[in-house]
C-alpha atoms as a PDB file:
ATOM      1  CA  UNK A   1      -6.175  -5.520 -12.235  1.00  0.00           C
ATOM      2  CA  UNK A   2      -3.228  -4.117 -10.272  1.00  0.00           C
ATOM      3  CA  UNK A   3      -3.163  -0.423  -9.517  1.00  0.00           C
ATOM      4  CA  UNK A   4      -0.407   1.596 -11.148  1.00  0.00           C
ATOM      5  CA  UNK A   5       1.954   3.128  -8.596  1.00  0.00           C
ATOM      6  CA  UNK A   6       1.140   6.806  -8.120  1.00  0.00           C
ATOM      7  CA  UNK A   7       3.962   9.320  -7.753  1.00  0.00           C
ATOM      8  CA  UNK A   8       5.505   8.769  -4.362  1.00  0.00           C
ATOM      9  CA  UNK A   9       7.862   6.637  -2.331  1.00  0.00           C
ATOM     10  CA  UNK A  10       7.301   2.928  -1.634  1.00  0.00           C
ATOM     11  CA  UNK A  11       9.279   1.096   1.042  1.00  0.00           C
ATOM     12  CA  UNK A  12       8.951  -2.662   1.390  1.00  0.00           C
ATOM     13  CA  UNK A  13       9.995  -4.841   4.317  1.00  0.00           C
ATOM     14  CA  UNK A  14      12.682  -7.443   3.723  1.00  0.00           C
ATOM     15  CA  UNK A  15      10.012 -10.124   3.305  1.00  0.00           C
ATOM     16  CA  UNK A  16       8.293  -8.053   0.615  1.00  0.00           C
ATOM     17  CA  UNK A  17       4.996  -8.402   2.491  1.00  0.00           C
ATOM     18  CA  UNK A  18       3.318  -6.725   5.413  1.00  0.00           C
ATOM     19  CA  UNK A  19       0.463  -4.570   6.566  1.00  0.00           C
ATOM     20  CA  UNK A  20       0.147  -1.225   4.836  1.00  0.00           C
ATOM     21  CA  UNK A  21       0.841   2.247   6.155  1.00  0.00           C
ATOM     22  CA  UNK A  22      -0.014   5.323   4.086  1.00  0.00           C
ATOM     23  CA  UNK A  23       2.348   8.156   5.038  1.00  0.00           C
ATOM     24  CA  UNK A  24       1.174  11.705   4.284  1.00  0.00           C
ATOM     25  CA  UNK A  25       3.887  14.337   4.155  1.00  0.00           C
ATOM     26  CA  UNK A  26       3.829  17.708   5.876  1.00  0.00           C
ATOM     27  CA  UNK A  27       3.901  21.016   4.024  1.00  0.00           C
ATOM     28  CA  UNK A  28       7.598  20.495   3.266  1.00  0.00           C
ATOM     29  CA  UNK A  29       6.757  17.841   0.663  1.00  0.00           C
ATOM     30  CA  UNK A  30       8.047  14.322   0.086  1.00  0.00           C
ATOM     31  CA  UNK A  31      11.509  14.966   1.477  1.00  0.00           C
ATOM     32  CA  UNK A  32      14.208  12.716   2.889  1.00  0.00           C
ATOM     33  CA  UNK A  33      12.617  12.821   6.364  1.00  0.00           C
ATOM     34  CA  UNK A  34       9.364  11.298   5.071  1.00  0.00           C
ATOM     35  CA  UNK A  35      11.280   8.752   3.009  1.00  0.00           C
ATOM     36  CA  UNK A  36      13.229   7.802   6.149  1.00  0.00           C
ATOM     37  CA  UNK A  37       9.957   7.326   8.059  1.00  0.00           C
ATOM     38  CA  UNK A  38       8.827   4.957   5.294  1.00  0.00           C
ATOM     39  CA  UNK A  39      12.138   3.137   5.542  1.00  0.00           C
ATOM     40  CA  UNK A  40      11.803   2.742   9.311  1.00  0.00           C
ATOM     41  CA  UNK A  41       8.269   1.409   8.897  1.00  0.00           C
ATOM     42  CA  UNK A  42       9.507  -1.081   6.302  1.00  0.00           C
ATOM     43  CA  UNK A  43      12.256  -2.099   8.729  1.00  0.00           C
ATOM     44  CA  UNK A  44       9.527  -2.871  11.260  1.00  0.00           C
ATOM     45  CA  UNK A  45       7.724  -5.113   8.768  1.00  0.00           C
ATOM     46  CA  UNK A  46       5.240  -2.712   7.161  1.00  0.00           C
ATOM     47  CA  UNK A  47       4.680  -1.806   3.524  1.00  0.00           C
ATOM     48  CA  UNK A  48       4.837   2.001   3.549  1.00  0.00           C
ATOM     49  CA  UNK A  49       3.830   4.376   0.773  1.00  0.00           C
ATOM     50  CA  UNK A  50       4.069   8.164   0.808  1.00  0.00           C
ATOM     51  CA  UNK A  51       2.296   9.895  -2.091  1.00  0.00           C
ATOM     52  CA  UNK A  52       4.009  12.949  -3.546  1.00  0.00           C
ATOM     53  CA  UNK A  53       1.257  15.542  -3.337  1.00  0.00           C
ATOM     54  CA  UNK A  54       3.599  18.312  -4.553  1.00  0.00           C
ATOM     55  CA  UNK A  55       4.785  16.404  -7.647  1.00  0.00           C
ATOM     56  CA  UNK A  56       8.506  16.556  -6.980  1.00  0.00           C
ATOM     57  CA  UNK A  57       8.625  19.971  -5.334  1.00  0.00           C
ATOM     58  CA  UNK A  58      10.155  20.235  -1.870  1.00  0.00           C
ATOM     59  CA  UNK A  59      10.260  23.226   0.451  1.00  0.00           C
ATOM     60  CA  UNK A  60      13.272  24.158   2.534  1.00  0.00           C
ATOM     61  CA  UNK A  61      11.882  27.385   3.986  1.00  0.00           C
ATOM     62  CA  UNK A  62       8.605  28.268   5.674  1.00  0.00           C
ATOM     63  CA  UNK A  63       7.846  30.721   2.882  1.00  0.00           C
ATOM     64  CA  UNK A  64       8.303  28.051   0.201  1.00  0.00           C
ATOM     65  CA  UNK A  65       6.216  25.568   2.206  1.00  0.00           C
ATOM     66  CA  UNK A  66       3.412  28.132   2.414  1.00  0.00           C
ATOM     67  CA  UNK A  67       3.560  28.589  -1.363  1.00  0.00           C
ATOM     68  CA  UNK A  68       3.460  24.841  -2.043  1.00  0.00           C
ATOM     69  CA  UNK A  69       0.650  24.224   0.423  1.00  0.00           C
ATOM     70  CA  UNK A  70      -1.277  27.178  -0.949  1.00  0.00           C
ATOM     71  CA  UNK A  71      -0.923  25.847  -4.487  1.00  0.00           C
ATOM     72  CA  UNK A  72      -3.248  22.943  -3.695  1.00  0.00           C
ATOM     73  CA  UNK A  73      -6.709  23.654  -5.079  1.00  0.00           C
ATOM     74  CA  UNK A  74      -9.143  25.298  -2.677  1.00  0.00           C
ATOM     75  CA  UNK A  75     -11.098  22.157  -1.813  1.00  0.00           C
ATOM     76  CA  UNK A  76      -8.079  19.865  -2.188  1.00  0.00           C
ATOM     77  CA  UNK A  77      -9.953  17.828  -4.795  1.00  0.00           C
ATOM     78  CA  UNK A  78      -6.778  16.753  -6.593  1.00  0.00           C
ATOM     79  CA  UNK A  79      -4.924  15.933  -3.367  1.00  0.00           C
ATOM     80  CA  UNK A  80      -7.888  13.887  -2.109  1.00  0.00           C
ATOM     81  CA  UNK A  81      -8.005  11.974  -5.398  1.00  0.00           C
ATOM     82  CA  UNK A  82      -4.244  11.318  -5.235  1.00  0.00           C
ATOM     83  CA  UNK A  83      -4.514  10.096  -1.643  1.00  0.00           C
ATOM     84  CA  UNK A  84      -7.414   7.798  -2.584  1.00  0.00           C
ATOM     85  CA  UNK A  85      -5.419   6.419  -5.540  1.00  0.00           C
ATOM     86  CA  UNK A  86      -2.451   5.897  -3.221  1.00  0.00           C
ATOM     87  CA  UNK A  87      -4.617   3.994  -0.739  1.00  0.00           C
ATOM     88  CA  UNK A  88      -5.940   1.737  -3.512  1.00  0.00           C
ATOM     89  CA  UNK A  89      -2.398   1.114  -4.756  1.00  0.00           C
ATOM     90  CA  UNK A  90      -1.091   0.381  -1.270  1.00  0.00           C
ATOM     91  CA  UNK A  91      -3.986  -1.984  -0.549  1.00  0.00           C
ATOM     92  CA  UNK A  92      -2.876  -4.046  -3.532  1.00  0.00           C
ATOM     93  CA  UNK A  93       0.658  -4.292  -2.161  1.00  0.00           C
ATOM     94  CA  UNK A  94      -0.203  -5.505   1.330  1.00  0.00           C
ATOM     95  CA  UNK A  95      -1.019  -8.736   3.106  1.00  0.00           C
ATOM     96  CA  UNK A  96      -4.074  -7.358   4.956  1.00  0.00           C
ATOM     97  CA  UNK A  97      -7.198  -5.567   3.754  1.00  0.00           C
ATOM     98  CA  UNK A  98      -6.893  -2.632   6.141  1.00  0.00           C
ATOM     99  CA  UNK A  99      -4.427   0.266   6.133  1.00  0.00           C
ATOM    100  CA  UNK A 100      -3.004   2.570   8.738  1.00  0.00           C
ATOM    101  CA  UNK A 101      -2.449   6.244   7.959  1.00  0.00           C
ATOM    102  CA  UNK A 102       0.177   8.550   9.420  1.00  0.00           C
ATOM    103  CA  UNK A 103       0.069  12.248   8.616  1.00  0.00           C
ATOM    104  CA  UNK A 104       2.600  14.933   9.415  1.00  0.00           C
ATOM    105  CA  UNK A 105       1.977  18.623   9.919  1.00  0.00           C
END
């Protein structure tokens, strides 16, 4: 059974196939910079997926980023579950069983 795509941004290479890269956004959220990173990875032949751990919210100031990052539950249980779901989804979209992970901070 195929995994349902979690909230986030998926970028596919022109061939539609490739090795997977999970891209974790910084405290700013899933902004255009992270989407561009996914696009560059896809341009290099990778299937890239960046989960949206802030559910559509994006920070444009340090203060707002602190609020968004602080809103994650204390042990990051939900974020960990969303990252795990994203990894399962991405694994189903790729041509290899392993994944790379890139995180920004």
